Structure formats: structure tokens, C-alpha cells
Amino acid sequence: MRSSAIAAVATLAAFAFTACSDDEPTKPEDAGGASRPVRIGTKDFTEQFILGELYGQALRAKGFRVELKHDIGSSEIIHQALAGGGLDMYPEYVGVLLSEIAGRRERPRSPTAAYRAARAFEERGGFTLLAMTPFSDSNALAVKPEFARRHRLRTIADLGRISGTVQIGAPPEFRTRFEGLVGLAERYGLDNLKARPLAIGKQYRALEQGEVDAARISTTDGQLAGRGYVLLKDSRGLFASQHVAPVISRRSLRTHGRRLAAAIDAVSRRLTTRAMREMNAAVDEDGRSPSRVADAFLRRERLK
């Protein structure tokens, strides 16, 4: 993990250097779009790469200059890059923002309530949220059908009946997140779980090859299409709904005007669960690039 920490520090240092240009006077919007580029960042997995391309290409189609910075890292890292001035915007999952960035453990009663709470949190720091998507990419725990039958598993709580250690394939941050081992111990009293750190997307292969017993998955993963995985019921509400809402600096909105928000919101409104699962599958299963997948979607939706 030491190399990961060094990489994270280097990433943030690079963004801090980039942020120095923010001290320049704000220039008015010109006829071809905003004179300052909109700097969009993404996290480190397929769905985020696609979202970055969707928003970036849609803005370019409207005449904005865009700098797209892929693969920055987890929420904890990318939010620091945003707060430090190295980014203007990135797509975030509302539930993750509340639990891992705002540090809230209680769950709002509805996705709308969660969105309002997350927006209020961001506005205290000079940021805000644009419109959230129809789809919710919630976290879940998945097991293979034969494993579920053998141990009579239906809910997450049932994992407590298994003797010995249950290995869960998950991203490295799963070990320290509330929507991870911390919450599984607090909400379910599970002390027989161990996380095996895996890059996002690698957990399915580990599950198929029997290297792990369960996997932390996302409900819009393309790998779920047509597969027979069993998703364990979250009966105690650990995993929050995860609608995406772009987090953006209010300064950037002032600089670029209402056209910026309108272009981004037009994309977000069309992102259904089916659409995201199909785009994720096109990249992860069919080997197409996020750029091409985003381009095809935007053209089909007449957004470019």
C-alpha cells in the first residue's frame, strides 16, 4: 500500500500545481464557448471513464473547451483534487459523498433527501451539485449461486453463519469505508469477513475462479448482464442509493454561465440503469473504448 500512498500524494501535488492558474483573472465567455477550459476529473473505473467522456464530449459539442483527466483515484482522492482547485467538476455518487466525504452514517429517507443533504454539504465549501441521474449505481455483495445454496444465503446477515473467514473481493478502500468492513461490522455485527484488495472490475474473475467467496459489486456493472450471480439482500440498509450528481465549483458555474449546467444536466437526465449497464458492458465485455461508447450514446440521444 506504500506505493499507492506515494502515487496519491504525487497525484494531489500535480493538481495543486495545476490549481495555481486559478489565481488568474476570470475571463468572460467568448463566442466559441468559455475561454477557460472546464477541467473534468474521473475516478478509476469503467463507469467513471464513460461518464467523463459523456460530459466532456457533450460540452465540446456546445463549444466549450474541456480538459478531461481520467483515472485520478477514489472519492477521497478526487474530492481533495477538486477542493484544492485542480479540477472544476467530477461525477460523484451521492451516497458515497455523504458517507465517505461528509462523514454521515445515518441514511436519508429518500434519494431526494440524500441529494439535498449532499448539495448542502458541498455548498458550504464553495461547490454545488448539478442534477442527479435516474440510475443508481449502488454497492452490493454478490456470490455465486452454488455458494449461496451451500450456505443458505439470502441476506448479508446470513454471512455470519459461515464458519471461518469469508473472503470478499473489493477495492482497497473497502477495508476502511463505512460502506465496507466498517459498516458490515457496525450494522451487521460481522467479524468473520476479510477484504482482498482488487482493482475494480477484477473481482468478477476472482469470484469465478474461487479466489474469493463474495465480491463487492456495483449494480450497473456490465458483468451482471445475463449472469447468474446472487446479490445478497441488504436488509439493514448499509448500502445507500447511489445516484450520480456532478460536483462542480460555483466559481466555474459563474465563469461559464447557465449553458454549462444545461449541457451537463441534459446528459444526466438520459442516464438510466439500462443505458449505463449497456455502456459498461460495451467497454468491459466487448472491448470498446469509453470514448467511442460515449460518442454513440450522445449521437443516439441527439446531444452532439
Protein backbone atom coordinates (compact mmCIF):
# COMPACT_ATOMS: atom_id res chain seq x y z
CA MET A 1 0.00 0.00 0.00
CA ARG A 2 3.03 2.30 0.38
CA SER A 3 3.30 2.72 -3.39
CA SER A 4 -0.40 3.61 -3.57
CA ALA A 5 0.07 6.29 -0.94
CA ILE A 6 3.03 7.76 -2.81
CA ALA A 7 1.00 7.77 -6.04
CA ALA A 8 -1.87 9.53 -4.29
CA VAL A 9 0.45 12.22 -2.92
CA ALA A 10 2.01 12.70 -6.34
CA THR A 11 -1.43 13.00 -7.93
CA LEU A 12 -2.54 15.65 -5.46
CA ALA A 13 0.72 17.55 -5.86
CA ALA A 14 0.19 17.65 -9.60
CA PHE A 15 -3.30 19.01 -9.15
CA ALA A 16 -2.06 21.60 -6.66
CA PHE A 17 0.42 22.82 -9.28
CA THR A 18 -2.34 22.96 -11.91
CA ALA A 19 -4.54 24.91 -9.50
CA CYS A 20 -2.09 27.81 -9.40
CA SER A 21 -3.58 29.09 -12.64
CA ASP A 22 -6.87 29.71 -10.81
CA ASP A 23 -5.41 32.93 -9.45
CA GLU A 24 -5.62 34.46 -12.91
CA PRO A 25 -8.46 36.91 -13.53
CA THR A 26 -11.65 35.31 -14.79
CA LYS A 27 -12.17 35.99 -18.48
CA PRO A 28 -15.61 36.45 -19.99
CA GLU A 29 -17.15 33.77 -22.17
CA ASP A 30 -16.31 34.13 -25.83
CA ALA A 31 -18.34 33.20 -28.89
CA GLY A 32 -16.79 29.74 -29.12
CA GLY A 33 -17.53 28.80 -25.50
CA ALA A 34 -15.76 29.68 -22.27
CA SER A 35 -12.21 30.97 -22.61
CA ARG A 36 -11.14 28.93 -19.57
CA PRO A 37 -11.30 25.14 -20.08
CA VAL A 38 -13.66 23.09 -17.96
CA ARG A 39 -11.45 20.60 -16.11
CA ILE A 40 -13.34 17.36 -15.57
CA GLY A 41 -11.92 14.52 -13.49
CA THR A 42 -12.97 10.90 -13.13
CA LYS A 43 -12.30 8.13 -10.67
CA ASP A 44 -10.50 4.92 -11.55
CA PHE A 45 -13.05 2.55 -13.10
CA THR A 46 -15.04 1.97 -16.28
CA GLU A 47 -18.30 3.71 -15.42
CA GLN A 48 -16.43 6.84 -14.40
CA PHE A 49 -14.40 6.84 -17.62
CA ILE A 50 -17.66 6.68 -19.57
CA LEU A 51 -19.27 9.44 -17.52
CA GLY A 52 -16.26 11.68 -18.03
CA GLU A 53 -16.43 11.14 -21.79
CA LEU A 54 -20.19 11.74 -21.86
CA TYR A 55 -19.95 15.06 -20.06
CA GLY A 56 -16.77 16.15 -21.81
CA GLN A 57 -17.98 15.37 -25.33
CA ALA A 58 -21.38 16.97 -24.68
CA LEU A 59 -19.68 20.18 -23.54
CA ARG A 60 -17.34 20.24 -26.54
CA ALA A 61 -20.37 19.84 -28.81
CA LYS A 62 -21.71 23.05 -27.26
CA GLY A 63 -18.46 24.92 -27.91
CA PHE A 64 -16.79 24.63 -24.50
CA ARG A 65 -13.12 23.87 -24.08
CA VAL A 66 -12.65 20.76 -21.95
CA GLU A 67 -9.70 19.14 -20.20
CA LEU A 68 -10.60 15.57 -19.25
CA LYS A 69 -8.42 13.97 -16.57
CA HIS A 70 -9.13 10.24 -16.24
CA ASP A 71 -8.20 7.75 -13.53
CA ILE A 72 -7.49 10.13 -10.65
CA GLY A 73 -8.47 7.74 -7.86
CA SER A 74 -11.08 7.06 -5.22
CA SER A 75 -13.61 9.59 -3.88
CA GLU A 76 -11.25 10.54 -1.09
CA ILE A 77 -8.50 11.43 -3.58
CA ILE A 78 -10.54 13.07 -6.32
CA HIS A 79 -12.52 15.21 -3.89
CA GLN A 80 -9.26 16.54 -2.48
CA ALA A 81 -8.18 17.40 -6.03
CA LEU A 82 -11.44 19.30 -6.52
CA ALA A 83 -11.15 21.10 -3.18
CA GLY A 84 -7.53 22.01 -3.93
CA GLY A 85 -8.51 23.73 -7.19
CA GLY A 86 -7.07 21.18 -9.63
CA LEU A 87 -10.50 20.29 -11.03
CA ASP A 88 -13.70 22.13 -11.81
CA MET A 89 -16.00 19.13 -11.77
CA TYR A 90 -16.27 15.37 -11.37
CA PRO A 91 -19.17 12.87 -11.31
CA GLU A 92 -19.87 11.58 -7.79
CA TYR A 93 -22.22 9.06 -6.21
CA VAL A 94 -24.46 10.85 -3.72
CA GLY A 95 -24.38 8.13 -1.06
CA VAL A 96 -20.59 7.84 -1.19
CA LEU A 97 -20.26 11.60 -0.91
CA LEU A 98 -22.38 11.62 2.25
CA SER A 99 -20.79 8.63 3.98
CA GLU A 100 -17.15 8.91 2.93
CA ILE A 101 -16.62 12.64 2.33
CA ALA A 102 -19.21 14.27 4.61
CA GLY A 103 -18.83 11.51 7.22
CA ARG A 104 -22.56 10.92 7.72
CA ARG A 105 -23.59 7.49 8.96
CA GLU A 106 -27.36 7.93 9.00
CA ARG A 107 -29.23 7.23 5.79
CA PRO A 108 -31.63 9.89 4.42
CA ARG A 109 -35.16 8.62 3.83
CA SER A 110 -35.13 9.09 0.07
CA PRO A 111 -32.74 9.73 -2.82
CA THR A 112 -34.07 13.31 -3.00
CA ALA A 113 -33.30 13.87 0.69
CA ALA A 114 -29.82 12.42 0.18
CA TYR A 115 -29.23 14.71 -2.79
CA ARG A 116 -30.29 17.79 -0.84
CA ALA A 117 -28.06 16.86 2.09
CA ALA A 118 -25.08 16.27 -0.21
CA ARG A 119 -25.66 19.55 -2.06
CA ALA A 120 -25.90 21.47 1.22
CA PHE A 121 -22.60 19.91 2.34
CA GLU A 122 -20.84 20.89 -0.89
CA GLU A 123 -22.22 24.42 -0.91
CA ARG A 124 -20.57 25.12 2.42
CA GLY A 125 -17.22 24.60 0.67
CA GLY A 126 -17.88 26.64 -2.46
CA PHE A 127 -19.21 23.80 -4.61
CA THR A 128 -22.62 22.50 -5.57
CA LEU A 129 -24.29 19.55 -7.29
CA LEU A 130 -25.85 19.54 -10.73
CA ALA A 131 -28.88 17.37 -11.50
CA MET A 132 -28.68 13.72 -10.45
CA THR A 133 -29.13 10.80 -12.82
CA PRO A 134 -32.14 8.45 -12.94
CA PHE A 135 -29.82 5.46 -12.41
CA SER A 136 -28.41 4.48 -9.04
CA ASP A 137 -25.18 2.52 -9.05
CA SER A 138 -25.48 1.10 -5.55
CA ASN A 139 -22.93 -1.14 -3.90
CA ALA A 140 -23.91 -4.75 -3.18
CA LEU A 141 -22.38 -8.07 -2.21
CA ALA A 142 -22.58 -10.85 -4.79
CA VAL A 143 -21.86 -14.57 -4.53
CA LYS A 144 -22.04 -17.45 -6.98
CA PRO A 145 -25.32 -19.44 -6.91
CA GLU A 146 -23.69 -22.65 -5.69
CA PHE A 147 -22.06 -20.82 -2.77
CA ALA A 148 -25.42 -19.29 -1.85
CA ARG A 149 -27.12 -22.71 -1.95
CA ARG A 150 -24.40 -24.42 0.07
CA HIS A 151 -24.58 -21.88 2.90
CA ARG A 152 -28.29 -20.98 2.54
CA LEU A 153 -27.51 -17.33 1.87
CA ARG A 154 -30.20 -14.79 1.09
CA THR A 155 -29.13 -11.70 3.04
CA ILE A 156 -25.86 -10.11 4.10
CA ALA A 157 -26.62 -11.11 7.69
CA ASP A 158 -26.52 -14.78 6.64
CA LEU A 159 -22.76 -14.48 6.12
CA GLY A 160 -22.43 -14.59 9.89
CA ARG A 161 -23.46 -18.26 9.91
CA ILE A 162 -20.43 -19.32 7.87
CA SER A 163 -17.65 -20.85 9.95
CA GLY A 164 -14.22 -19.48 9.22
CA THR A 165 -13.27 -16.40 7.25
CA VAL A 166 -15.31 -15.10 4.34
CA GLN A 167 -13.07 -13.52 1.69
CA ILE A 168 -14.57 -10.52 -0.11
CA GLY A 169 -13.01 -9.21 -3.29
CA ALA A 170 -13.25 -5.42 -3.22
CA PRO A 171 -11.35 -2.18 -3.92
CA PRO A 172 -8.64 -1.34 -1.34
CA GLU A 173 -10.76 1.40 0.29
CA PHE A 174 -13.42 -1.20 1.18
CA ARG A 175 -11.41 -2.08 4.30
CA THR A 176 -11.75 1.39 5.82
CA ARG A 177 -15.09 2.61 4.44
CA PHE A 178 -18.43 2.64 6.21
CA GLU A 179 -19.87 1.06 3.05
CA GLY A 180 -17.31 -1.69 3.60
CA LEU A 181 -15.91 -3.68 6.50
CA VAL A 182 -16.57 -0.82 8.96
CA GLY A 183 -20.30 -0.73 8.25
CA LEU A 184 -20.60 -4.51 7.92
CA ALA A 185 -19.25 -4.83 11.46
CA GLU A 186 -21.34 -1.94 12.82
CA ARG A 187 -24.66 -2.70 11.12
CA TYR A 188 -24.48 -6.49 10.90
CA GLY A 189 -22.01 -7.47 13.61
CA LEU A 190 -19.95 -9.43 11.08
CA ASP A 191 -16.44 -10.11 12.33
CA ASN A 192 -15.63 -13.07 10.07
CA LEU A 193 -15.05 -11.03 6.93
CA LYS A 194 -11.73 -10.24 5.28
CA ALA A 195 -11.29 -7.97 2.27
CA ARG A 196 -8.96 -8.95 -0.54
CA PRO A 197 -7.89 -5.75 -2.33
CA LEU A 198 -8.64 -5.92 -6.06
CA ALA A 199 -8.84 -3.31 -8.78
CA ILE A 200 -12.42 -2.51 -9.72
CA GLY A 201 -13.56 -5.00 -12.36
CA LYS A 202 -11.13 -7.73 -11.25
CA GLN A 203 -13.47 -9.02 -8.53
CA TYR A 204 -15.61 -10.96 -11.02
CA ARG A 205 -12.73 -13.05 -12.29
CA ALA A 206 -11.61 -13.73 -8.71
CA LEU A 207 -15.16 -14.81 -7.85
CA GLU A 208 -15.40 -17.10 -10.90
CA GLN A 209 -12.04 -18.72 -10.14
CA GLY A 210 -12.87 -19.30 -6.47
CA GLU A 211 -10.21 -16.92 -5.18
CA VAL A 212 -12.81 -15.07 -3.10
CA ASP A 213 -16.15 -16.12 -1.60
CA ALA A 214 -18.01 -12.89 -2.34
CA ALA A 215 -17.45 -9.68 -4.23
CA ARG A 216 -18.40 -6.08 -3.71
CA ILE A 217 -20.08 -5.14 -6.94
CA SER A 218 -21.94 -2.17 -8.36
CA THR A 219 -25.49 -2.65 -9.61
CA THR A 220 -24.80 -1.13 -13.04
CA ASP A 221 -21.78 -3.35 -13.75
CA GLY A 222 -21.86 -4.68 -17.28
CA GLN A 223 -20.75 -8.08 -15.97
CA LEU A 224 -24.17 -8.53 -14.34
CA ALA A 225 -25.96 -8.61 -17.69
CA GLY A 226 -27.15 -12.17 -18.29
CA ARG A 227 -25.09 -13.63 -15.42
CA GLY A 228 -26.45 -15.75 -12.58
CA TYR A 229 -24.84 -14.05 -9.59
CA VAL A 230 -26.81 -13.87 -6.36
CA LEU A 231 -26.97 -10.39 -4.83
CA LEU A 232 -27.38 -10.64 -1.06
CA LYS A 233 -30.23 -8.56 0.32
CA ASP A 234 -29.10 -5.56 2.36
CA SER A 235 -31.83 -5.88 5.00
CA ARG A 236 -30.27 -3.30 7.35
CA GLY A 237 -29.67 -0.57 4.81
CA LEU A 238 -25.89 -0.35 4.80
CA PHE A 239 -25.53 0.41 1.11
CA ALA A 240 -27.13 3.72 0.20
CA SER A 241 -28.73 4.60 -3.12
CA GLN A 242 -26.04 5.94 -5.40
CA HIS A 243 -27.46 8.30 -7.98
CA VAL A 244 -24.72 10.25 -9.76
CA ALA A 245 -24.60 14.02 -9.46
CA PRO A 246 -21.68 16.03 -10.87
CA VAL A 247 -19.93 18.04 -8.15
CA ILE A 248 -18.86 21.39 -9.58
CA SER A 249 -17.24 24.55 -8.29
CA ARG A 250 -19.58 27.52 -8.06
CA ARG A 251 -16.78 29.63 -9.49
CA SER A 252 -16.83 27.51 -12.64
CA LEU A 253 -20.59 27.98 -12.97
CA ARG A 254 -20.17 31.74 -12.67
CA THR A 255 -17.38 31.71 -15.25
CA HIS A 256 -19.14 29.60 -17.86
CA GLY A 257 -22.76 30.56 -17.34
CA ARG A 258 -26.02 28.63 -17.37
CA ARG A 259 -25.20 26.89 -20.65
CA LEU A 260 -22.67 24.73 -18.85
CA ALA A 261 -25.18 23.38 -16.32
CA ALA A 262 -27.82 22.92 -19.03
CA ALA A 263 -25.47 20.82 -21.20
CA ILE A 264 -24.44 18.60 -18.29
CA ASP A 265 -27.99 18.18 -16.98
CA ALA A 266 -29.23 17.17 -20.45
CA VAL A 267 -26.82 14.22 -20.37
CA SER A 268 -27.58 13.23 -16.78
CA ARG A 269 -31.34 13.11 -17.40
CA ARG A 270 -30.87 10.36 -20.02
CA LEU A 271 -28.67 8.05 -17.94
CA THR A 272 -30.96 5.20 -16.95
CA THR A 273 -29.85 1.96 -15.31
CA ARG A 274 -30.29 0.11 -18.60
CA ALA A 275 -28.27 2.69 -20.51
CA MET A 276 -25.37 2.62 -18.04
CA ARG A 277 -25.30 -1.18 -17.80
CA GLU A 278 -25.22 -1.45 -21.60
CA MET A 279 -22.42 1.11 -21.90
CA ASN A 280 -20.40 -0.55 -19.13
CA ALA A 281 -20.82 -3.92 -20.87
CA ALA A 282 -19.74 -2.44 -24.20
CA VAL A 283 -16.43 -1.44 -22.60
CA ASP A 284 -15.81 -4.31 -20.16
CA GLU A 285 -17.26 -7.18 -22.20
CA ASP A 286 -16.91 -6.06 -25.83
CA GLY A 287 -13.64 -4.13 -25.52
CA ARG A 288 -14.86 -0.84 -26.98
CA SER A 289 -13.28 2.40 -25.76
CA PRO A 290 -15.19 4.67 -23.35
CA SER A 291 -14.78 7.49 -25.88
CA ARG A 292 -16.49 5.56 -28.69
CA VAL A 293 -19.24 4.26 -26.41
CA ALA A 294 -19.99 7.77 -25.15
CA ASP A 295 -19.97 9.17 -28.69
CA ALA A 296 -22.51 6.58 -29.87
CA PHE A 297 -24.82 7.28 -26.92
CA LEU A 298 -24.69 11.06 -27.34
CA ARG A 299 -25.39 10.82 -31.05
CA ARG A 300 -28.28 8.45 -30.47
CA GLU A 301 -29.72 10.87 -27.91
CA ARG A 302 -29.05 13.84 -30.24
CA LEU A 303 -26.77 15.54 -27.75
CA LYS A 304 -23.96 16.13 -30.25
